[in-house]
PDB file of all heavy atoms in Angstrom:
ATOM      1  N   VAL A   1      -7.884  16.049   5.748  1.00  0.00           N
ATOM      2  CA  VAL A   1      -7.766  16.316   7.155  1.00  0.00           C
ATOM      3  C   VAL A   1      -8.143  17.794   7.449  1.00  0.00           C
ATOM      4  O   VAL A   1      -8.918  18.066   8.382  1.00  0.00           O
ATOM      5  CB  VAL A   1      -6.290  16.078   7.721  1.00  0.00           C
ATOM      6  CG1 VAL A   1      -6.139  16.553   9.116  1.00  0.00           C
ATOM      7  CG2 VAL A   1      -6.046  14.562   7.616  1.00  0.00           C
ATOM      8  N   ALA A   2      -7.603  18.714   6.625  1.00  0.00           N
ATOM      9  CA  ALA A   2      -7.957  20.156   6.820  1.00  0.00           C
ATOM     10  C   ALA A   2      -9.415  20.395   6.772  1.00  0.00           C
ATOM     11  O   ALA A   2      -9.952  21.125   7.593  1.00  0.00           O
ATOM     12  CB  ALA A   2      -7.266  20.949   5.722  1.00  0.00           C
ATOM     13  N   ASN A   3     -10.144  19.770   5.876  1.00  0.00           N
ATOM     14  CA  ASN A   3     -11.554  19.956   5.737  1.00  0.00           C
ATOM     15  C   ASN A   3     -12.319  19.422   6.922  1.00  0.00           C
ATOM     16  O   ASN A   3     -13.267  20.087   7.421  1.00  0.00           O
ATOM     17  CB  ASN A   3     -12.090  19.289   4.436  1.00  0.00           C
ATOM     18  CG  ASN A   3     -11.623  20.054   3.186  1.00  0.00           C
ATOM     19  OD1 ASN A   3     -11.252  21.195   3.220  1.00  0.00           O
ATOM     20  ND2 ASN A   3     -11.545  19.289   2.087  1.00  0.00           N
ATOM     21  N   ILE A   4     -11.952  18.228   7.397  1.00  0.00           N
ATOM     22  CA  ILE A   4     -12.636  17.703   8.569  1.00  0.00           C
ATOM     23  C   ILE A   4     -12.442  18.643   9.787  1.00  0.00           C
ATOM     24  O   ILE A   4     -13.420  18.949  10.510  1.00  0.00           O
ATOM     25  CB  ILE A   4     -12.151  16.324   8.964  1.00  0.00           C
ATOM     26  CG1 ILE A   4     -12.379  15.300   7.831  1.00  0.00           C
ATOM     27  CG2 ILE A   4     -12.761  15.818  10.223  1.00  0.00           C
ATOM     28  CD1 ILE A   4     -11.603  13.987   7.953  1.00  0.00           C
ATOM     29  N   LEU A   5     -11.184  19.054  10.030  1.00  0.00           N
ATOM     30  CA  LEU A   5     -10.966  19.866  11.196  1.00  0.00           C
ATOM     31  C   LEU A   5     -11.545  21.256  11.092  1.00  0.00           C
ATOM     32  O   LEU A   5     -12.046  21.853  12.030  1.00  0.00           O
ATOM     33  CB  LEU A   5      -9.407  20.029  11.426  1.00  0.00           C
ATOM     34  CG  LEU A   5      -8.742  18.663  11.779  1.00  0.00           C
ATOM     35  CD1 LEU A   5      -7.278  18.821  11.872  1.00  0.00           C
ATOM     36  CD2 LEU A   5      -9.242  18.134  13.133  1.00  0.00           C
ATOM     37  N   LYS A   6     -11.601  21.802   9.814  1.00  0.00           N
ATOM     38  CA  LYS A   6     -12.271  23.117   9.610  1.00  0.00           C
ATOM     39  C   LYS A   6     -13.774  23.035   9.955  1.00  0.00           C
ATOM     40  O   LYS A   6     -14.301  23.906  10.578  1.00  0.00           O
ATOM     41  CB  LYS A   6     -12.079  23.512   8.208  1.00  0.00           C
ATOM     42  CG  LYS A   6     -12.666  24.880   7.859  1.00  0.00           C
ATOM     43  CD  LYS A   6     -12.422  25.287   6.443  1.00  0.00           C
ATOM     44  CE  LYS A   6     -13.051  26.628   6.092  1.00  0.00           C
ATOM     45  NZ  LYS A   6     -12.834  27.022   4.706  1.00  0.00           N
ATOM     46  N   GLU A   7     -14.408  21.915   9.522  1.00  0.00           N
ATOM     47  CA  GLU A   7     -15.802  21.721   9.805  1.00  0.00           C
ATOM     48  C   GLU A   7     -16.075  21.733  11.330  1.00  0.00           C
ATOM     49  O   GLU A   7     -17.145  22.136  11.776  1.00  0.00           O
ATOM     50  CB  GLU A   7     -16.306  20.293   9.278  1.00  0.00           C
ATOM     51  CG  GLU A   7     -16.524  20.217   7.808  1.00  0.00           C
ATOM     52  CD  GLU A   7     -16.845  18.839   7.373  1.00  0.00           C
ATOM     53  OE1 GLU A   7     -17.097  17.960   8.195  1.00  0.00           O
ATOM     54  OE2 GLU A   7     -16.831  18.600   6.115  1.00  0.00           O
ATOM     55  N   LYS A   8     -15.064  21.232  12.086  1.00  0.00           N
ATOM     56  CA  LYS A   8     -15.235  21.145  13.514  1.00  0.00           C
ATOM     57  C   LYS A   8     -14.748  22.431  14.271  1.00  0.00           C
ATOM     58  O   LYS A   8     -14.873  22.558  15.436  1.00  0.00           O
ATOM     59  CB  LYS A   8     -14.388  19.953  14.104  1.00  0.00           C
ATOM     60  CG  LYS A   8     -15.006  18.662  13.672  1.00  0.00           C
ATOM     61  CD  LYS A   8     -14.218  17.531  14.240  1.00  0.00           C
ATOM     62  CE  LYS A   8     -14.989  16.239  14.210  1.00  0.00           C
ATOM     63  NZ  LYS A   8     -16.062  16.210  15.167  1.00  0.00           N
ATOM     64  N   GLY A   9     -14.232  23.341  13.473  1.00  0.00           N
ATOM     65  CA  GLY A   9     -13.668  24.654  14.022  1.00  0.00           C
ATOM     66  C   GLY A   9     -12.398  24.506  14.837  1.00  0.00           C
ATOM     67  O   GLY A   9     -12.134  25.135  15.746  1.00  0.00           O
ATOM     68  N   LEU A  10     -11.594  23.506  14.429  1.00  0.00           N
ATOM     69  CA  LEU A  10     -10.348  23.187  15.118  1.00  0.00           C
ATOM     70  C   LEU A  10      -9.146  23.737  14.338  1.00  0.00           C
ATOM     71  O   LEU A  10      -9.208  23.882  13.093  1.00  0.00           O
ATOM     72  CB  LEU A  10     -10.181  21.689  15.336  1.00  0.00           C
ATOM     73  CG  LEU A  10     -11.303  21.003  16.189  1.00  0.00           C
ATOM     74  CD1 LEU A  10     -11.200  19.487  16.076  1.00  0.00           C
ATOM     75  CD2 LEU A  10     -11.228  21.511  17.598  1.00  0.00           C
ATOM     76  N   ASN A  11      -8.118  24.107  15.084  1.00  0.00           N
ATOM     77  CA  ASN A  11      -6.909  24.737  14.511  1.00  0.00           C
ATOM     78  C   ASN A  11      -6.033  23.622  13.849  1.00  0.00           C
ATOM     79  O   ASN A  11      -5.684  22.638  14.433  1.00  0.00           O
ATOM     80  CB  ASN A  11      -6.013  25.397  15.559  1.00  0.00           C
ATOM     81  CG  ASN A  11      -6.761  26.522  16.255  1.00  0.00           C
ATOM     82  OD1 ASN A  11      -7.469  27.280  15.615  1.00  0.00           O
ATOM     83  ND2 ASN A  11      -6.698  26.554  17.595  1.00  0.00           N
ATOM     84  N   PHE A  12      -5.621  23.867  12.567  1.00  0.00           N
ATOM     85  CA  PHE A  12      -4.855  22.945  11.793  1.00  0.00           C
ATOM     86  C   PHE A  12      -3.721  23.674  11.116  1.00  0.00           C
ATOM     87  O   PHE A  12      -3.908  24.695  10.445  1.00  0.00           O
ATOM     88  CB  PHE A  12      -5.685  22.229  10.739  1.00  0.00           C
ATOM     89  CG  PHE A  12      -4.946  21.209   9.841  1.00  0.00           C
ATOM     90  CD1 PHE A  12      -4.218  20.217  10.444  1.00  0.00           C
ATOM     91  CD2 PHE A  12      -4.866  21.425   8.543  1.00  0.00           C
ATOM     92  CE1 PHE A  12      -3.522  19.299   9.647  1.00  0.00           C
ATOM     93  CE2 PHE A  12      -4.206  20.532   7.702  1.00  0.00           C
ATOM     94  CZ  PHE A  12      -3.527  19.511   8.280  1.00  0.00           C
ATOM     95  N   ASP A  13      -2.492  23.182  11.330  1.00  0.00           N
ATOM     96  CA  ASP A  13      -1.304  23.688  10.650  1.00  0.00           C
ATOM     97  C   ASP A  13      -1.078  22.952   9.363  1.00  0.00           C
ATOM     98  O   ASP A  13      -0.831  21.746   9.392  1.00  0.00           O
ATOM     99  CB  ASP A  13      -0.102  23.540  11.590  1.00  0.00           C
ATOM    100  CG  ASP A  13       1.160  24.083  11.014  1.00  0.00           C
ATOM    101  OD1 ASP A  13       1.204  24.487   9.860  1.00  0.00           O
ATOM    102  OD2 ASP A  13       2.190  24.025  11.711  1.00  0.00           O
ATOM    103  N   ARG A  14      -1.273  23.619   8.265  1.00  0.00           N
ATOM    104  CA  ARG A  14      -1.206  22.941   6.927  1.00  0.00           C
ATOM    105  C   ARG A  14       0.250  22.594   6.526  1.00  0.00           C
ATOM    106  O   ARG A  14       0.459  21.982   5.467  1.00  0.00           O
ATOM    107  CB  ARG A  14      -1.839  23.827   5.872  1.00  0.00           C
ATOM    108  CG  ARG A  14      -3.294  24.017   6.180  1.00  0.00           C
ATOM    109  CD  ARG A  14      -3.906  25.061   5.153  1.00  0.00           C
ATOM    110  NE  ARG A  14      -4.019  24.555   3.861  1.00  0.00           N
ATOM    111  CZ  ARG A  14      -5.078  23.896   3.415  1.00  0.00           C
ATOM    112  NH1 ARG A  14      -6.141  23.740   4.173  1.00  0.00           N
ATOM    113  NH2 ARG A  14      -5.157  23.452   2.182  1.00  0.00           N
ATOM    114  N   ASN A  15       1.245  22.909   7.307  1.00  0.00           N
ATOM    115  CA  ASN A  15       2.667  22.602   7.024  1.00  0.00           C
ATOM    116  C   ASN A  15       2.901  21.156   7.500  1.00  0.00           C
ATOM    117  O   ASN A  15       3.524  20.910   8.501  1.00  0.00           O
ATOM    118  CB  ASN A  15       3.603  23.567   7.788  1.00  0.00           C
ATOM    119  CG  ASN A  15       5.067  23.284   7.541  1.00  0.00           C
ATOM    120  OD1 ASN A  15       5.432  22.738   6.499  1.00  0.00           O
ATOM    121  ND2 ASN A  15       5.865  23.628   8.476  1.00  0.00           N
ATOM    122  N   TYR A  16       2.411  20.212   6.667  1.00  0.00           N
ATOM    123  CA  TYR A  16       2.514  18.797   7.082  1.00  0.00           C
ATOM    124  C   TYR A  16       3.909  18.256   6.835  1.00  0.00           C
ATOM    125  O   TYR A  16       4.671  18.704   6.020  1.00  0.00           O
ATOM    126  CB  TYR A  16       1.510  17.990   6.353  1.00  0.00           C
ATOM    127  CG  TYR A  16       1.620  17.931   4.855  1.00  0.00           C
ATOM    128  CD1 TYR A  16       2.168  16.840   4.245  1.00  0.00           C
ATOM    129  CD2 TYR A  16       1.068  18.949   4.087  1.00  0.00           C
ATOM    130  CE1 TYR A  16       2.266  16.761   2.862  1.00  0.00           C
ATOM    131  CE2 TYR A  16       1.168  18.898   2.686  1.00  0.00           C
ATOM    132  CZ  TYR A  16       1.752  17.810   2.105  1.00  0.00           C
ATOM    133  OH  TYR A  16       1.827  17.691   0.773  1.00  0.00           O
ATOM    134  N   GLY A  17       4.241  17.234   7.668  1.00  0.00           N
ATOM    135  CA  GLY A  17       5.468  16.496   7.460  1.00  0.00           C
ATOM    136  C   GLY A  17       5.268  15.257   6.567  1.00  0.00           C
ATOM    137  O   GLY A  17       4.166  14.827   6.435  1.00  0.00           O
ATOM    138  N   LEU A  18       6.357  14.815   5.952  1.00  0.00           N
ATOM    139  CA  LEU A  18       6.178  13.789   4.955  1.00  0.00           C
ATOM    140  C   LEU A  18       7.455  12.990   4.801  1.00  0.00           C
ATOM    141  O   LEU A  18       8.553  13.536   4.775  1.00  0.00           O
ATOM    142  CB  LEU A  18       5.807  14.473   3.594  1.00  0.00           C
ATOM    143  CG  LEU A  18       5.637  13.635   2.380  1.00  0.00           C
ATOM    144  CD1 LEU A  18       4.358  12.837   2.474  1.00  0.00           C
ATOM    145  CD2 LEU A  18       5.532  14.549   1.173  1.00  0.00           C
ATOM    146  N   CYS A  19       7.347  11.628   4.674  1.00  0.00           N
ATOM    147  CA  CYS A  19       8.464  10.841   4.251  1.00  0.00           C
ATOM    148  C   CYS A  19       7.939   9.648   3.460  1.00  0.00           C
ATOM    149  O   CYS A  19       6.763   9.367   3.468  1.00  0.00           O
ATOM    150  CB  CYS A  19       9.286  10.390   5.479  1.00  0.00           C
ATOM    151  SG  CYS A  19       8.582   8.995   6.410  1.00  0.00           S
ATOM    152  N   PHE A  20       8.850   9.075   2.752  1.00  0.00           N
ATOM    153  CA  PHE A  20       8.495   7.842   1.984  1.00  0.00           C
ATOM    154  C   PHE A  20       8.218   6.699   2.938  1.00  0.00           C
ATOM    155  O   PHE A  20       8.889   6.608   3.989  1.00  0.00           O
ATOM    156  CB  PHE A  20       9.533   7.462   1.026  1.00  0.00           C
ATOM    157  CG  PHE A  20       9.752   8.405  -0.118  1.00  0.00           C
ATOM    158  CD1 PHE A  20      10.954   8.938  -0.419  1.00  0.00           C
ATOM    159  CD2 PHE A  20       8.669   8.746  -0.927  1.00  0.00           C
ATOM    160  CE1 PHE A  20      11.154   9.832  -1.432  1.00  0.00           C
ATOM    161  CE2 PHE A  20       8.803   9.605  -2.018  1.00  0.00           C
ATOM    162  CZ  PHE A  20      10.080  10.179  -2.278  1.00  0.00           C
ATOM    163  N   GLY A  21       7.304   5.849   2.595  1.00  0.00           N
ATOM    164  CA  GLY A  21       7.054   4.641   3.315  1.00  0.00           C
ATOM    165  C   GLY A  21       7.413   3.454   2.437  1.00  0.00           C
ATOM    166  O   GLY A  21       7.213   3.571   1.190  1.00  0.00           O
ATOM    167  N   GLY A  22       7.956   2.453   2.996  1.00  0.00           N
ATOM    168  CA  GLY A  22       8.305   1.258   2.242  1.00  0.00           C
ATOM    169  C   GLY A  22       7.108   0.448   1.885  1.00  0.00           C
ATOM    170  O   GLY A  22       6.235   0.183   2.712  1.00  0.00           O
ATOM    171  N   GLY A  23       7.049  -0.040   0.688  1.00  0.00           N
ATOM    172  CA  GLY A  23       5.941  -0.836   0.241  1.00  0.00           C
ATOM    173  C   GLY A  23       6.419  -2.295  -0.045  1.00  0.00           C
ATOM    174  O   GLY A  23       7.545  -2.632   0.249  1.00  0.00           O
ATOM    175  N   MET A  24       5.542  -3.023  -0.588  1.00  0.00           N
ATOM    176  CA  MET A  24       5.845  -4.388  -0.947  1.00  0.00           C
ATOM    177  C   MET A  24       6.781  -4.407  -2.206  1.00  0.00           C
ATOM    178  O   MET A  24       6.792  -3.462  -2.970  1.00  0.00           O
ATOM    179  CB  MET A  24       4.587  -5.163  -1.225  1.00  0.00           C
ATOM    180  CG  MET A  24       3.661  -5.187  -0.088  1.00  0.00           C
ATOM    181  SD  MET A  24       2.134  -6.014  -0.424  1.00  0.00           S
ATOM    182  CE  MET A  24       2.539  -7.651   0.171  1.00  0.00           C
ATOM    183  N   PHE A  25       7.505  -5.428  -2.367  1.00  0.00           N
ATOM    184  CA  PHE A  25       8.407  -5.595  -3.456  1.00  0.00           C
ATOM    185  C   PHE A  25       9.489  -4.503  -3.473  1.00  0.00           C
ATOM    186  O   PHE A  25      10.178  -4.325  -2.535  1.00  0.00           O
ATOM    187  CB  PHE A  25       7.611  -5.729  -4.771  1.00  0.00           C
ATOM    188  CG  PHE A  25       6.476  -6.680  -4.734  1.00  0.00           C
ATOM    189  CD1 PHE A  25       5.175  -6.294  -4.747  1.00  0.00           C
ATOM    190  CD2 PHE A  25       6.706  -8.051  -4.513  1.00  0.00           C
ATOM    191  CE1 PHE A  25       4.117  -7.184  -4.615  1.00  0.00           C
ATOM    192  CE2 PHE A  25       5.701  -8.958  -4.437  1.00  0.00           C
ATOM    193  CZ  PHE A  25       4.410  -8.530  -4.509  1.00  0.00           C
ATOM    194  N   ILE A  26       9.550  -3.695  -4.511  1.00  0.00           N
ATOM    195  CA  ILE A  26      10.674  -2.749  -4.621  1.00  0.00           C
ATOM    196  C   ILE A  26      10.221  -1.291  -4.370  1.00  0.00           C
ATOM    197  O   ILE A  26      11.031  -0.397  -4.407  1.00  0.00           O
ATOM    198  CB  ILE A  26      11.425  -2.825  -5.945  1.00  0.00           C
ATOM    199  CG1 ILE A  26      10.415  -2.549  -7.093  1.00  0.00           C
ATOM    200  CG2 ILE A  26      12.041  -4.182  -6.147  1.00  0.00           C
ATOM    201  CD1 ILE A  26      11.061  -2.352  -8.469  1.00  0.00           C
ATOM    202  N   ILE A  27       8.935  -1.042  -4.109  1.00  0.00           N
ATOM    203  CA  ILE A  27       8.468   0.341  -3.977  1.00  0.00           C
ATOM    204  C   ILE A  27       9.015   0.913  -2.663  1.00  0.00           C
ATOM    205  O   ILE A  27       8.675   0.516  -1.602  1.00  0.00           O
ATOM    206  CB  ILE A  27       6.934   0.356  -3.951  1.00  0.00           C
ATOM    207  CG1 ILE A  27       6.385  -0.193  -5.266  1.00  0.00           C
ATOM    208  CG2 ILE A  27       6.459   1.825  -3.694  1.00  0.00           C
ATOM    209  CD1 ILE A  27       4.868  -0.333  -5.281  1.00  0.00           C
ATOM    210  N   ARG A  28       9.929   1.891  -2.816  1.00  0.00           N
ATOM    211  CA  ARG A  28      10.462   2.591  -1.652  1.00  0.00           C
ATOM    212  C   ARG A  28      11.019   1.677  -0.541  1.00  0.00           C
ATOM    213  O   ARG A  28      10.949   1.996   0.597  1.00  0.00           O
ATOM    214  CB  ARG A  28       9.437   3.558  -1.097  1.00  0.00           C
ATOM    215  CG  ARG A  28       8.821   4.510  -2.021  1.00  0.00           C
ATOM    216  CD  ARG A  28       9.813   5.569  -2.545  1.00  0.00           C
ATOM    217  NE  ARG A  28       9.081   6.496  -3.432  1.00  0.00           N
ATOM    218  CZ  ARG A  28       9.689   7.224  -4.300  1.00  0.00           C
ATOM    219  NH1 ARG A  28      11.006   7.191  -4.397  1.00  0.00           N
ATOM    220  NH2 ARG A  28       9.038   8.048  -5.095  1.00  0.00           N
ATOM    221  N   ARG A  29      11.598   0.629  -0.960  1.00  0.00           N
ATOM    222  CA  ARG A  29      12.102  -0.365  -0.031  1.00  0.00           C
ATOM    223  C   ARG A  29      13.155   0.322   0.895  1.00  0.00           C
ATOM    224  O   ARG A  29      13.934   1.076   0.442  1.00  0.00           O
ATOM    225  CB  ARG A  29      12.706  -1.535  -0.772  1.00  0.00           C
ATOM    226  CG  ARG A  29      12.991  -2.689   0.103  1.00  0.00           C
ATOM    227  CD  ARG A  29      13.539  -3.874  -0.741  1.00  0.00           C
ATOM    228  NE  ARG A  29      13.521  -5.020   0.147  1.00  0.00           N
ATOM    229  CZ  ARG A  29      12.921  -6.136  -0.075  1.00  0.00           C
ATOM    230  NH1 ARG A  29      12.277  -6.307  -1.219  1.00  0.00           N
ATOM    231  NH2 ARG A  29      12.945  -7.106   0.815  1.00  0.00           N
ATOM    232  N   GLY A  30      13.095   0.001   2.153  1.00  0.00           N
ATOM    233  CA  GLY A  30      14.063   0.510   3.126  1.00  0.00           C
ATOM    234  C   GLY A  30      13.552   1.832   3.761  1.00  0.00           C
ATOM    235  O   GLY A  30      14.284   2.464   4.575  1.00  0.00           O
ATOM    236  N   HIS A  31      12.413   2.290   3.427  1.00  0.00           N
ATOM    237  CA  HIS A  31      11.875   3.533   4.016  1.00  0.00           C
ATOM    238  C   HIS A  31      10.729   3.142   4.935  1.00  0.00           C
ATOM    239  O   HIS A  31      10.061   2.151   4.684  1.00  0.00           O
ATOM    240  CB  HIS A  31      11.395   4.485   2.951  1.00  0.00           C
ATOM    241  CG  HIS A  31      12.460   5.146   2.179  1.00  0.00           C
ATOM    242  ND1 HIS A  31      13.087   6.347   2.601  1.00  0.00           N
ATOM    243  CD2 HIS A  31      13.064   4.789   1.003  1.00  0.00           C
ATOM    244  CE1 HIS A  31      13.982   6.666   1.725  1.00  0.00           C
ATOM    245  NE2 HIS A  31      14.014   5.798   0.738  1.00  0.00           N
TER     246      HIS A  31
END
């Protein structure tokens, strides 16, 4: 994302947010 926005000359805050996402079966279930 940072690279695409930099190419366009757009302002990007690199302090991204993050959480687990639930996957199929038992991977991070409930998130």
